[in-house]
Amino acid sequence: MEKKQVEIYRSELIDEISSSISPLEEKKVEKKMLIAAKIEDAIKAKNWKNRDLLEALGKKYPSIITIWLSGTHNFTIDTLIELEEVLGIELINTKEIINTKTIQKNKNLFFNSDNKTKV
């Protein structure tokens, strides 16, 4: 079977819009799309449907999964952590910036000495 060549579509309007996007905005869009792709890959790896993720997270509205997978959603840290937990993936890499003294100090401010009970 012969592979079909991909046609590259050019448009002055698209070029104009693309050139008006700042590097920062471009980076934001790229990161959002990469996060969405990673979530989608994890759903597939677990042989889940979107509704399975919805149930695992205890969410009510199926449209939220579609929004997340669109690559345009601005996630909260809390949502990313919840997704990491149920999908068994890493979406936030903080290993490079860990300062254990600062973390322990902040943890002690937030938790009682048993490290389980929030203050």
PDB file of N, CA and C in Angstrom:
ATOM      1  N   MET A   1       0.843  -1.178   0.000  1.00  0.00           N
ATOM      2  CA  MET A   1       0.000   0.000   0.000  1.00  0.00           C
ATOM      3  C   MET A   1       0.890   1.244   0.000  1.00  0.00           C
ATOM      4  N   GLU A   2       0.582   2.144  -0.882  1.00  0.00           N
ATOM      5  CA  GLU A   2       1.378   3.363  -1.031  1.00  0.00           C
ATOM      6  C   GLU A   2       0.950   4.403  -0.004  1.00  0.00           C
ATOM      7  N   LYS A   3       1.944   5.014   0.640  1.00  0.00           N
ATOM      8  CA  LYS A   3       1.642   6.066   1.615  1.00  0.00           C
ATOM      9  C   LYS A   3       1.244   7.332   0.889  1.00  0.00           C
ATOM     10  N   LYS A   4       0.252   7.980   1.427  1.00  0.00           N
ATOM     11  CA  LYS A   4      -0.219   9.233   0.860  1.00  0.00           C
ATOM     12  C   LYS A   4       0.622  10.376   1.412  1.00  0.00           C
ATOM     13  N   GLN A   5       1.080  11.254   0.540  1.00  0.00           N
ATOM     14  CA  GLN A   5       1.853  12.411   1.003  1.00  0.00           C
ATOM     15  C   GLN A   5       0.932  13.424   1.659  1.00  0.00           C
ATOM     16  N   VAL A   6       1.436  14.024   2.702  1.00  0.00           N
ATOM     17  CA  VAL A   6       0.680  15.036   3.420  1.00  0.00           C
ATOM     18  C   VAL A   6       0.814  16.357   2.676  1.00  0.00           C
ATOM     19  N   GLU A   7      -0.340  16.964   2.437  1.00  0.00           N
ATOM     20  CA  GLU A   7      -0.328  18.280   1.795  1.00  0.00           C
ATOM     21  C   GLU A   7      -0.175  19.352   2.854  1.00  0.00           C
ATOM     22  N   ILE A   8       0.665  20.308   2.595  1.00  0.00           N
ATOM     23  CA  ILE A   8       0.831  21.431   3.514  1.00  0.00           C
ATOM     24  C   ILE A   8      -0.034  22.570   3.020  1.00  0.00           C
ATOM     25  N   TYR A   9      -0.956  22.967   3.867  1.00  0.00           N
ATOM     26  CA  TYR A   9      -1.867  24.048   3.519  1.00  0.00           C
ATOM     27  C   TYR A   9      -1.298  25.361   4.016  1.00  0.00           C
ATOM     28  N   ARG A  10      -1.207  26.319   3.177  1.00  0.00           N
ATOM     29  CA  ARG A  10      -0.689  27.636   3.538  1.00  0.00           C
ATOM     30  C   ARG A  10      -1.809  28.662   3.402  1.00  0.00           C
ATOM     31  N   SER A  11      -1.855  29.552   4.342  1.00  0.00           N
ATOM     32  CA  SER A  11      -2.839  30.625   4.326  1.00  0.00           C
ATOM     33  C   SER A  11      -2.202  31.882   4.892  1.00  0.00           C
ATOM     34  N   GLU A  12      -2.378  32.974   4.208  1.00  0.00           N
ATOM     35  CA  GLU A  12      -1.836  34.239   4.710  1.00  0.00           C
ATOM     36  C   GLU A  12      -2.444  34.603   6.057  1.00  0.00           C
ATOM     37  N   LEU A  13      -3.746  34.340   6.205  1.00  0.00           N
ATOM     38  CA  LEU A  13      -4.421  34.659   7.459  1.00  0.00           C
ATOM     39  C   LEU A  13      -3.840  33.832   8.612  1.00  0.00           C
ATOM     40  N   ILE A  14      -3.656  32.542   8.388  1.00  0.00           N
ATOM     41  CA  ILE A  14      -3.081  31.692   9.431  1.00  0.00           C
ATOM     42  C   ILE A  14      -1.658  32.119   9.740  1.00  0.00           C
ATOM     43  N   ASP A  15      -0.884  32.431   8.715  1.00  0.00           N
ATOM     44  CA  ASP A  15       0.484  32.908   8.931  1.00  0.00           C
ATOM     45  C   ASP A  15       0.492  34.198   9.741  1.00  0.00           C
ATOM     46  N   GLU A  16      -0.428  35.096   9.431  1.00  0.00           N
ATOM     47  CA  GLU A  16      -0.504  36.373  10.147  1.00  0.00           C
ATOM     48  C   GLU A  16      -0.861  36.159  11.619  1.00  0.00           C
ATOM     49  N   ILE A  17      -1.836  35.296  11.855  1.00  0.00           N
ATOM     50  CA  ILE A  17      -2.237  35.006  13.232  1.00  0.00           C
ATOM     51  C   ILE A  17      -1.087  34.346  13.984  1.00  0.00           C
ATOM     52  N   SER A  18      -0.439  33.375  13.343  1.00  0.00           N
ATOM     53  CA  SER A  18       0.684  32.667  13.971  1.00  0.00           C
ATOM     54  C   SER A  18       1.829  33.610  14.327  1.00  0.00           C
ATOM     55  N   SER A  19       2.102  34.547  13.448  1.00  0.00           N
ATOM     56  CA  SER A  19       3.213  35.465  13.701  1.00  0.00           C
ATOM     57  C   SER A  19       2.889  36.481  14.797  1.00  0.00           C
ATOM     58  N   SER A  20       1.602  36.645  15.095  1.00  0.00           N
ATOM     59  CA  SER A  20       1.222  37.614  16.135  1.00  0.00           C
ATOM     60  C   SER A  20       1.218  36.987  17.536  1.00  0.00           C
ATOM     61  N   ILE A  21       1.420  35.684  17.628  1.00  0.00           N
ATOM     62  CA  ILE A  21       1.433  35.007  18.921  1.00  0.00           C
ATOM     63  C   ILE A  21       2.820  35.143  19.542  1.00  0.00           C
ATOM     64  N   SER A  22       2.846  35.592  20.777  1.00  0.00           N
ATOM     65  CA  SER A  22       4.128  35.767  21.467  1.00  0.00           C
ATOM     66  C   SER A  22       4.744  34.399  21.778  1.00  0.00           C
ATOM     67  N   PRO A  23       6.057  34.371  21.932  1.00  0.00           N
ATOM     68  CA  PRO A  23       6.707  33.105  22.311  1.00  0.00           C
ATOM     69  C   PRO A  23       6.154  32.526  23.614  1.00  0.00           C
ATOM     70  N   LEU A  24       5.800  33.389  24.556  1.00  0.00           N
ATOM     71  CA  LEU A  24       5.236  32.924  25.820  1.00  0.00           C
ATOM     72  C   LEU A  24       3.885  32.246  25.595  1.00  0.00           C
ATOM     73  N   GLU A  25       3.032  32.874  24.800  1.00  0.00           N
ATOM     74  CA  GLU A  25       1.721  32.285  24.492  1.00  0.00           C
ATOM     75  C   GLU A  25       1.888  30.964  23.758  1.00  0.00           C
ATOM     76  N   GLU A  26       2.831  30.925  22.854  1.00  0.00           N
ATOM     77  CA  GLU A  26       3.102  29.698  22.102  1.00  0.00           C
ATOM     78  C   GLU A  26       3.538  28.572  23.051  1.00  0.00           C
ATOM     79  N   LYS A  27       4.360  28.915  24.025  1.00  0.00           N
ATOM     80  CA  LYS A  27       4.825  27.932  25.003  1.00  0.00           C
ATOM     81  C   LYS A  27       3.659  27.433  25.855  1.00  0.00           C
ATOM     82  N   LYS A  28       2.765  28.344  26.264  1.00  0.00           N
ATOM     83  CA  LYS A  28       1.589  27.965  27.050  1.00  0.00           C
ATOM     84  C   LYS A  28       0.718  26.978  26.284  1.00  0.00           C
ATOM     85  N   VAL A  29       0.457  27.281  25.030  1.00  0.00           N
ATOM     86  CA  VAL A  29      -0.374  26.408  24.196  1.00  0.00           C
ATOM     87  C   VAL A  29       0.286  25.038  24.049  1.00  0.00           C
ATOM     88  N   GLU A  30       1.587  25.047  23.794  1.00  0.00           N
ATOM     89  CA  GLU A  30       2.310  23.784  23.627  1.00  0.00           C
ATOM     90  C   GLU A  30       2.221  22.934  24.891  1.00  0.00           C
ATOM     91  N   LYS A  31       2.433  23.527  26.057  1.00  0.00           N
ATOM     92  CA  LYS A  31       2.381  22.788  27.320  1.00  0.00           C
ATOM     93  C   LYS A  31       0.981  22.235  27.582  1.00  0.00           C
ATOM     94  N   LYS A  32      -0.051  23.042  27.322  1.00  0.00           N
ATOM     95  CA  LYS A  32      -1.428  22.583  27.521  1.00  0.00           C
ATOM     96  C   LYS A  32      -1.729  21.392  26.623  1.00  0.00           C
ATOM     97  N   MET A  33      -1.255  21.453  25.385  1.00  0.00           N
ATOM     98  CA  MET A  33      -1.492  20.355  24.450  1.00  0.00           C
ATOM     99  C   MET A  33      -0.725  19.101  24.874  1.00  0.00           C
ATOM    100  N   LEU A  34       0.495  19.268  25.363  1.00  0.00           N
ATOM    101  CA  LEU A  34       1.280  18.127  25.822  1.00  0.00           C
ATOM    102  C   LEU A  34       0.639  17.469  27.043  1.00  0.00           C
ATOM    103  N   ILE A  35       0.119  18.277  27.953  1.00  0.00           N
ATOM    104  CA  ILE A  35      -0.563  17.732  29.132  1.00  0.00           C
ATOM    105  C   ILE A  35      -1.798  16.955  28.703  1.00  0.00           C
ATOM    106  N   ALA A  36      -2.585  17.524  27.803  1.00  0.00           N
ATOM    107  CA  ALA A  36      -3.781  16.842  27.305  1.00  0.00           C
ATOM    108  C   ALA A  36      -3.413  15.517  26.637  1.00  0.00           C
ATOM    109  N   ALA A  37      -2.348  15.517  25.849  1.00  0.00           N
ATOM    110  CA  ALA A  37      -1.913  14.297  25.159  1.00  0.00           C
ATOM    111  C   ALA A  37      -1.454  13.244  26.168  1.00  0.00           C
ATOM    112  N   LYS A  38      -0.766  13.674  27.211  1.00  0.00           N
ATOM    113  CA  LYS A  38      -0.284  12.741  28.236  1.00  0.00           C
ATOM    114  C   LYS A  38      -1.467  12.125  28.989  1.00  0.00           C
ATOM    115  N   ILE A  39      -2.473  12.919  29.274  1.00  0.00           N
ATOM    116  CA  ILE A  39      -3.679  12.420  29.947  1.00  0.00           C
ATOM    117  C   ILE A  39      -4.384  11.414  29.044  1.00  0.00           C
ATOM    118  N   GLU A  40      -4.543  11.773  27.786  1.00  0.00           N
ATOM    119  CA  GLU A  40      -5.213  10.876  26.838  1.00  0.00           C
ATOM    120  C   GLU A  40      -4.445   9.562  26.685  1.00  0.00           C
ATOM    121  N   ASP A  41      -3.122   9.634  26.603  1.00  0.00           N
ATOM    122  CA  ASP A  41      -2.296   8.420  26.502  1.00  0.00           C
ATOM    123  C   ASP A  41      -2.472   7.534  27.735  1.00  0.00           C
ATOM    124  N   ALA A  42      -2.544   8.154  28.912  1.00  0.00           N
ATOM    125  CA  ALA A  42      -2.712   7.393  30.153  1.00  0.00           C
ATOM    126  C   ALA A  42      -4.087   6.730  30.212  1.00  0.00           C
ATOM    127  N   ILE A  43      -5.114   7.424  29.727  1.00  0.00           N
ATOM    128  CA  ILE A  43      -6.463   6.840  29.675  1.00  0.00           C
ATOM    129  C   ILE A  43      -6.436   5.600  28.783  1.00  0.00           C
ATOM    130  N   LYS A  44      -5.815   5.728  27.619  1.00  0.00           N
ATOM    131  CA  LYS A  44      -5.725   4.599  26.684  1.00  0.00           C
ATOM    132  C   LYS A  44      -4.906   3.457  27.271  1.00  0.00           C
ATOM    133  N   ALA A  45      -3.806   3.775  27.952  1.00  0.00           N
ATOM    134  CA  ALA A  45      -2.941   2.748  28.541  1.00  0.00           C
ATOM    135  C   ALA A  45      -3.683   1.925  29.593  1.00  0.00           C
ATOM    136  N   LYS A  46      -4.642   2.545  30.259  1.00  0.00           N
ATOM    137  CA  LYS A  46      -5.435   1.846  31.272  1.00  0.00           C
ATOM    138  C   LYS A  46      -6.654   1.162  30.647  1.00  0.00           C
ATOM    139  N   ASN A  47      -6.784   1.289  29.321  1.00  0.00           N
ATOM    140  CA  ASN A  47      -7.963   0.761  28.604  1.00  0.00           C
ATOM    141  C   ASN A  47      -9.259   1.340  29.153  1.00  0.00           C
ATOM    142  N   TRP A  48      -9.197   2.612  29.512  1.00  0.00           N
ATOM    143  CA  TRP A  48     -10.356   3.314  30.034  1.00  0.00           C
ATOM    144  C   TRP A  48     -11.048   4.088  28.927  1.00  0.00           C
ATOM    145  N   LYS A  49     -12.281   4.403  29.185  1.00  0.00           N
ATOM    146  CA  LYS A  49     -13.038   5.380  28.407  1.00  0.00           C
ATOM    147  C   LYS A  49     -13.037   6.658  29.250  1.00  0.00           C
ATOM    148  N   ASN A  50     -13.445   7.760  28.642  1.00  0.00           N
ATOM    149  CA  ASN A  50     -13.500   9.026  29.386  1.00  0.00           C
ATOM    150  C   ASN A  50     -14.370   8.908  30.637  1.00  0.00           C
ATOM    151  N   ARG A  51     -15.443   8.150  30.530  1.00  0.00           N
ATOM    152  CA  ARG A  51     -16.353   8.008  31.692  1.00  0.00           C
ATOM    153  C   ARG A  51     -15.670   7.283  32.857  1.00  0.00           C
ATOM    154  N   ASP A  52     -14.697   6.391  32.551  1.00  0.00           N
ATOM    155  CA  ASP A  52     -13.962   5.710  33.621  1.00  0.00           C
ATOM    156  C   ASP A  52     -13.125   6.713  34.413  1.00  0.00           C
ATOM    157  N   LEU A  53     -12.484   7.635  33.697  1.00  0.00           N
ATOM    158  CA  LEU A  53     -11.712   8.688  34.375  1.00  0.00           C
ATOM    159  C   LEU A  53     -12.648   9.567  35.186  1.00  0.00           C
ATOM    160  N   LEU A  54     -13.776   9.903  34.617  1.00  0.00           N
ATOM    161  CA  LEU A  54     -14.777  10.715  35.305  1.00  0.00           C
ATOM    162  C   LEU A  54     -15.173  10.071  36.632  1.00  0.00           C
ATOM    163  N   GLU A  55     -15.462   8.770  36.600  1.00  0.00           N
ATOM    164  CA  GLU A  55     -15.858   8.049  37.809  1.00  0.00           C
ATOM    165  C   GLU A  55     -14.706   7.958  38.811  1.00  0.00           C
ATOM    166  N   ALA A  56     -13.490   7.697  38.317  1.00  0.00           N
ATOM    167  CA  ALA A  56     -12.332   7.577  39.209  1.00  0.00           C
ATOM    168  C   ALA A  56     -12.059   8.879  39.949  1.00  0.00           C
ATOM    169  N   LEU A  57     -12.371   9.997  39.314  1.00  0.00           N
ATOM    170  CA  LEU A  57     -12.159  11.305  39.929  1.00  0.00           C
ATOM    171  C   LEU A  57     -13.365  11.771  40.741  1.00  0.00           C
ATOM    172  N   GLY A  58     -14.474  11.070  40.625  1.00  0.00           N
ATOM    173  CA  GLY A  58     -15.684  11.470  41.336  1.00  0.00           C
ATOM    174  C   GLY A  58     -16.316  12.722  40.770  1.00  0.00           C
ATOM    175  N   LYS A  59     -16.125  12.931  39.472  1.00  0.00           N
ATOM    176  CA  LYS A  59     -16.709  14.102  38.805  1.00  0.00           C
ATOM    177  C   LYS A  59     -18.083  13.744  38.262  1.00  0.00           C
ATOM    178  N   LYS A  60     -18.913  14.766  38.041  1.00  0.00           N
ATOM    179  CA  LYS A  60     -20.285  14.535  37.601  1.00  0.00           C
ATOM    180  C   LYS A  60     -20.508  14.819  36.114  1.00  0.00           C
ATOM    181  N   TYR A  61     -19.767  15.763  35.560  1.00  0.00           N
ATOM    182  CA  TYR A  61     -20.079  16.248  34.229  1.00  0.00           C
ATOM    183  C   TYR A  61     -19.066  15.745  33.200  1.00  0.00           C
ATOM    184  N   PRO A  62     -19.517  14.863  32.281  1.00  0.00           N
ATOM    185  CA  PRO A  62     -18.614  14.282  31.287  1.00  0.00           C
ATOM    186  C   PRO A  62     -17.906  15.315  30.408  1.00  0.00           C
ATOM    187  N   SER A  63     -18.495  16.463  30.234  1.00  0.00           N
ATOM    188  CA  SER A  63     -17.888  17.472  29.363  1.00  0.00           C
ATOM    189  C   SER A  63     -16.534  17.955  29.884  1.00  0.00           C
ATOM    190  N   ILE A  64     -16.284  17.799  31.197  1.00  0.00           N
ATOM    191  CA  ILE A  64     -15.013  18.275  31.742  1.00  0.00           C
ATOM    192  C   ILE A  64     -13.846  17.488  31.149  1.00  0.00           C
ATOM    193  N   ILE A  65     -14.038  16.197  30.911  1.00  0.00           N
ATOM    194  CA  ILE A  65     -12.975  15.382  30.331  1.00  0.00           C
ATOM    195  C   ILE A  65     -12.691  15.853  28.905  1.00  0.00           C
ATOM    196  N   THR A  66     -13.733  16.134  28.162  1.00  0.00           N
ATOM    197  CA  THR A  66     -13.572  16.641  26.797  1.00  0.00           C
ATOM    198  C   THR A  66     -12.827  17.968  26.795  1.00  0.00           C
ATOM    199  N   ILE A  67     -13.156  18.817  27.740  1.00  0.00           N
ATOM    200  CA  ILE A  67     -12.471  20.114  27.865  1.00  0.00           C
ATOM    201  C   ILE A  67     -10.998  19.896  28.178  1.00  0.00           C
ATOM    202  N   TRP A  68     -10.704  18.983  29.112  1.00  0.00           N
ATOM    203  CA  TRP A  68      -9.313  18.712  29.473  1.00  0.00           C
ATOM    204  C   TRP A  68      -8.517  18.191  28.290  1.00  0.00           C
ATOM    205  N   LEU A  69      -9.142  17.334  27.492  1.00  0.00           N
ATOM    206  CA  LEU A  69      -8.442  16.712  26.370  1.00  0.00           C
ATOM    207  C   LEU A  69      -8.363  17.608  25.142  1.00  0.00           C
ATOM    208  N   SER A  70      -9.000  18.768  25.205  1.00  0.00           N
ATOM    209  CA  SER A  70      -8.974  19.694  24.056  1.00  0.00           C
ATOM    210  C   SER A  70      -7.607  20.348  23.880  1.00  0.00           C
ATOM    211  N   GLY A  71      -6.819  20.368  24.950  1.00  0.00           N
ATOM    212  CA  GLY A  71      -5.502  20.998  24.873  1.00  0.00           C
ATOM    213  C   GLY A  71      -5.536  22.496  25.084  1.00  0.00           C
ATOM    214  N   THR A  72      -6.675  23.012  25.526  1.00  0.00           N
ATOM    215  CA  THR A  72      -6.801  24.453  25.752  1.00  0.00           C
ATOM    216  C   THR A  72      -7.109  24.791  27.212  1.00  0.00           C
ATOM    217  N   HIS A  73      -7.316  23.773  28.031  1.00  0.00           N
ATOM    218  CA  HIS A  73      -7.737  24.007  29.413  1.00  0.00           C
ATOM    219  C   HIS A  73      -6.573  24.478  30.281  1.00  0.00           C
ATOM    220  N   ASN A  74      -6.852  25.416  31.163  1.00  0.00           N
ATOM    221  CA  ASN A  74      -5.872  25.925  32.119  1.00  0.00           C
ATOM    222  C   ASN A  74      -6.089  25.194  33.448  1.00  0.00           C
ATOM    223  N   PHE A  75      -5.346  24.112  33.659  1.00  0.00           N
ATOM    224  CA  PHE A  75      -5.517  23.258  34.825  1.00  0.00           C
ATOM    225  C   PHE A  75      -5.079  23.932  36.118  1.00  0.00           C
ATOM    226  N   THR A  76      -5.745  23.553  37.209  1.00  0.00           N
ATOM    227  CA  THR A  76      -5.256  23.939  38.529  1.00  0.00           C
ATOM    228  C   THR A  76      -4.255  22.872  38.976  1.00  0.00           C
ATOM    229  N   ILE A  77      -3.417  23.232  39.905  1.00  0.00           N
ATOM    230  CA  ILE A  77      -2.464  22.276  40.473  1.00  0.00           C
ATOM    231  C   ILE A  77      -3.230  21.111  41.105  1.00  0.00           C
ATOM    232  N   ASP A  78      -4.306  21.410  41.818  1.00  0.00           N
ATOM    233  CA  ASP A  78      -5.096  20.371  42.467  1.00  0.00           C
ATOM    234  C   ASP A  78      -5.612  19.346  41.457  1.00  0.00           C
ATOM    235  N   THR A  79      -6.133  19.805  40.345  1.00  0.00           N
ATOM    236  CA  THR A  79      -6.650  18.894  39.319  1.00  0.00           C
ATOM    237  C   THR A  79      -5.534  18.043  38.732  1.00  0.00           C
ATOM    238  N   LEU A  80      -4.383  18.649  38.479  1.00  0.00           N
ATOM    239  CA  LEU A  80      -3.253  17.889  37.942  1.00  0.00           C
ATOM    240  C   LEU A  80      -2.814  16.800  38.908  1.00  0.00           C
ATOM    241  N   ILE A  81      -2.794  17.102  40.198  1.00  0.00           N
ATOM    242  CA  ILE A  81      -2.408  16.113  41.208  1.00  0.00           C
ATOM    243  C   ILE A  81      -3.434  14.981  41.265  1.00  0.00           C
ATOM    244  N   GLU A  82      -4.717  15.335  41.206  1.00  0.00           N
ATOM    245  CA  GLU A  82      -5.763  14.310  41.192  1.00  0.00           C
ATOM    246  C   GLU A  82      -5.613  13.404  39.973  1.00  0.00           C
ATOM    247  N   LEU A  83      -5.325  13.987  38.823  1.00  0.00           N
ATOM    248  CA  LEU A  83      -5.128  13.204  37.598  1.00  0.00           C
ATOM    249  C   LEU A  83      -3.905  12.298  37.725  1.00  0.00           C
ATOM    250  N   GLU A  84      -2.833  12.827  38.298  1.00  0.00           N
ATOM    251  CA  GLU A  84      -1.634  12.017  38.514  1.00  0.00           C
ATOM    252  C   GLU A  84      -1.959  10.779  39.353  1.00  0.00           C
ATOM    253  N   GLU A  85      -2.727  10.989  40.415  1.00  0.00           N
ATOM    254  CA  GLU A  85      -3.056   9.899  41.332  1.00  0.00           C
ATOM    255  C   GLU A  85      -3.883   8.808  40.662  1.00  0.00           C
ATOM    256  N   VAL A  86      -4.952   9.186  39.972  1.00  0.00           N
ATOM    257  CA  VAL A  86      -5.836   8.159  39.401  1.00  0.00           C
ATOM    258  C   VAL A  86      -5.258   7.520  38.146  1.00  0.00           C
ATOM    259  N   LEU A  87      -4.414   8.246  37.414  1.00  0.00           N
ATOM    260  CA  LEU A  87      -3.847   7.699  36.188  1.00  0.00           C
ATOM    261  C   LEU A  87      -2.472   7.065  36.391  1.00  0.00           C
ATOM    262  N   GLY A  88      -1.852   7.342  37.536  1.00  0.00           N
ATOM    263  CA  GLY A  88      -0.535   6.783  37.810  1.00  0.00           C
ATOM    264  C   GLY A  88       0.554   7.364  36.923  1.00  0.00           C
ATOM    265  N   ILE A  89       0.448   8.660  36.654  1.00  0.00           N
ATOM    266  CA  ILE A  89       1.425   9.342  35.805  1.00  0.00           C
ATOM    267  C   ILE A  89       1.940  10.591  36.517  1.00  0.00           C
ATOM    268  N   GLU A  90       2.971  11.179  35.954  1.00  0.00           N
ATOM    269  CA  GLU A  90       3.507  12.434  36.484  1.00  0.00           C
ATOM    270  C   GLU A  90       3.233  13.543  35.478  1.00  0.00           C
ATOM    271  N   LEU A  91       2.513  14.552  35.930  1.00  0.00           N
ATOM    272  CA  LEU A  91       2.218  15.711  35.088  1.00  0.00           C
ATOM    273  C   LEU A  91       2.986  16.946  35.548  1.00  0.00           C
ATOM    274  N   ILE A  92       3.375  16.955  36.824  1.00  0.00           N
ATOM    275  CA  ILE A  92       4.106  18.084  37.389  1.00  0.00           C
ATOM    276  C   ILE A  92       5.452  17.566  37.876  1.00  0.00           C
ATOM    277  N   ASN A  93       6.523  18.074  37.350  1.00  0.00           N
ATOM    278  CA  ASN A  93       7.853  17.644  37.765  1.00  0.00           C
ATOM    279  C   ASN A  93       8.462  18.721  38.660  1.00  0.00           C
ATOM    280  N   THR A  94       8.512  18.413  39.944  1.00  0.00           N
ATOM    281  CA  THR A  94       9.091  19.370  40.894  1.00  0.00           C
ATOM    282  C   THR A  94      10.388  18.838  41.492  1.00  0.00           C
ATOM    283  N   LYS A  95      10.847  17.708  41.019  1.00  0.00           N
ATOM    284  CA  LYS A  95      12.034  17.088  41.599  1.00  0.00           C
ATOM    285  C   LYS A  95      13.274  17.951  41.494  1.00  0.00           C
ATOM    286  N   GLU A  96      13.389  18.729  40.466  1.00  0.00           N
ATOM    287  CA  GLU A  96      14.584  19.552  40.269  1.00  0.00           C
ATOM    288  C   GLU A  96      14.666  20.729  41.234  1.00  0.00           C
ATOM    289  N   ILE A  97      13.545  21.144  41.774  1.00  0.00           N
ATOM    290  CA  ILE A  97      13.544  22.352  42.606  1.00  0.00           C
ATOM    291  C   ILE A  97      13.284  22.062  44.081  1.00  0.00           C
ATOM    292  N   ILE A  98      13.345  20.804  44.467  1.00  0.00           N
ATOM    293  CA  ILE A  98      13.042  20.452  45.851  1.00  0.00           C
ATOM    294  C   ILE A  98      14.131  20.953  46.797  1.00  0.00           C
ATOM    295  N   ASN A  99      13.704  21.674  47.793  1.00  0.00           N
ATOM    296  CA  ASN A  99      14.570  22.095  48.884  1.00  0.00           C
ATOM    297  C   ASN A  99      13.936  21.499  50.130  1.00  0.00           C
ATOM    298  N   THR A 100      14.494  20.410  50.644  1.00  0.00           N
ATOM    299  CA  THR A 100      13.845  19.661  51.716  1.00  0.00           C
ATOM    300  C   THR A 100      13.633  20.471  52.987  1.00  0.00           C
ATOM    301  N   LYS A 101      14.528  21.380  53.308  1.00  0.00           N
ATOM    302  CA  LYS A 101      14.341  22.199  54.514  1.00  0.00           C
ATOM    303  C   LYS A 101      13.112  23.092  54.370  1.00  0.00           C
ATOM    304  N   THR A 102      12.953  23.700  53.233  1.00  0.00           N
ATOM    305  CA  THR A 102      11.796  24.561  52.999  1.00  0.00           C
ATOM    306  C   THR A 102      10.517  23.750  53.023  1.00  0.00           C
ATOM    307  N   ILE A 103      10.532  22.591  52.395  1.00  0.00           N
ATOM    308  CA  ILE A 103       9.343  21.745  52.367  1.00  0.00           C
ATOM    309  C   ILE A 103       8.976  21.303  53.777  1.00  0.00           C
ATOM    310  N   GLN A 104       9.946  20.859  54.556  1.00  0.00           N
ATOM    311  CA  GLN A 104       9.664  20.409  55.918  1.00  0.00           C
ATOM    312  C   GLN A 104       9.117  21.551  56.759  1.00  0.00           C
ATOM    313  N   LYS A 105       9.691  22.748  56.605  1.00  0.00           N
ATOM    314  CA  LYS A 105       9.223  23.916  57.347  1.00  0.00           C
ATOM    315  C   LYS A 105       7.771  24.218  56.980  1.00  0.00           C
ATOM    316  N   ASN A 106       7.464  24.229  55.683  1.00  0.00           N
ATOM    317  CA  ASN A 106       6.101  24.496  55.236  1.00  0.00           C
ATOM    318  C   ASN A 106       5.151  23.382  55.649  1.00  0.00           C
ATOM    319  N   LYS A 107       5.623  22.153  55.607  1.00  0.00           N
ATOM    320  CA  LYS A 107       4.808  21.017  56.010  1.00  0.00           C
ATOM    321  C   LYS A 107       4.464  21.120  57.493  1.00  0.00           C
ATOM    322  N   ASN A 108       5.431  21.512  58.311  1.00  0.00           N
ATOM    323  CA  ASN A 108       5.197  21.662  59.749  1.00  0.00           C
ATOM    324  C   ASN A 108       4.198  22.778  60.041  1.00  0.00           C
ATOM    325  N   LEU A 109       4.178  23.797  59.219  1.00  0.00           N
ATOM    326  CA  LEU A 109       3.209  24.875  59.399  1.00  0.00           C
ATOM    327  C   LEU A 109       1.798  24.412  59.054  1.00  0.00           C
ATOM    328  N   PHE A 110       1.697  23.452  58.155  1.00  0.00           N
ATOM    329  CA  PHE A 110       0.406  23.017  57.646  1.00  0.00           C
ATOM    330  C   PHE A 110      -0.163  21.815  58.387  1.00  0.00           C
ATOM    331  N   PHE A 111       0.708  20.939  58.890  1.00  0.00           N
ATOM    332  CA  PHE A 111       0.277  19.714  59.549  1.00  0.00           C
ATOM    333  C   PHE A 111       0.692  19.725  61.019  1.00  0.00           C
ATOM    334  N   ASN A 112      -0.062  18.958  61.854  1.00  0.00           N
ATOM    335  CA  ASN A 112       0.363  18.721  63.234  1.00  0.00           C
ATOM    336  C   ASN A 112       1.588  17.830  63.211  1.00  0.00           C
ATOM    337  N   SER A 113       2.154  17.559  64.344  1.00  0.00           N
ATOM    338  CA  SER A 113       3.385  16.787  64.409  1.00  0.00           C
ATOM    339  C   SER A 113       3.236  15.367  63.885  1.00  0.00           C
ATOM    340  N   ASP A 114       1.998  14.853  63.795  1.00  0.00           N
ATOM    341  CA  ASP A 114       1.810  13.479  63.281  1.00  0.00           C
ATOM    342  C   ASP A 114       1.869  13.443  61.758  1.00  0.00           C
ATOM    343  N   ASN A 115       2.032  14.631  61.109  1.00  0.00           N
ATOM    344  CA  ASN A 115       2.137  14.751  59.646  1.00  0.00           C
ATOM    345  C   ASN A 115       0.911  14.226  58.909  1.00  0.00           C
ATOM    346  N   LYS A 116      -0.213  14.078  59.622  1.00  0.00           N
ATOM    347  CA  LYS A 116      -1.429  13.605  58.978  1.00  0.00           C
ATOM    348  C   LYS A 116      -2.595  14.564  59.146  1.00  0.00           C
ATOM    349  N   THR A 117      -2.624  15.230  60.259  1.00  0.00           N
ATOM    350  CA  THR A 117      -3.753  16.091  60.576  1.00  0.00           C
ATOM    351  C   THR A 117      -3.460  17.526  60.163  1.00  0.00           C
ATOM    352  N   LYS A 118      -4.324  18.063  59.329  1.00  0.00           N
ATOM    353  CA  LYS A 118      -4.156  19.463  58.938  1.00  0.00           C
ATOM    354  C   LYS A 118      -4.455  20.368  60.109  1.00  0.00           C
ATOM    355  N   VAL A 119      -3.685  21.446  60.197  1.00  0.00           N
ATOM    356  CA  VAL A 119      -3.883  22.410  61.266  1.00  0.00           C
ATOM    357  C   VAL A 119      -4.989  23.372  60.863  1.00  0.00           C
TER     358      VAL A 119
END
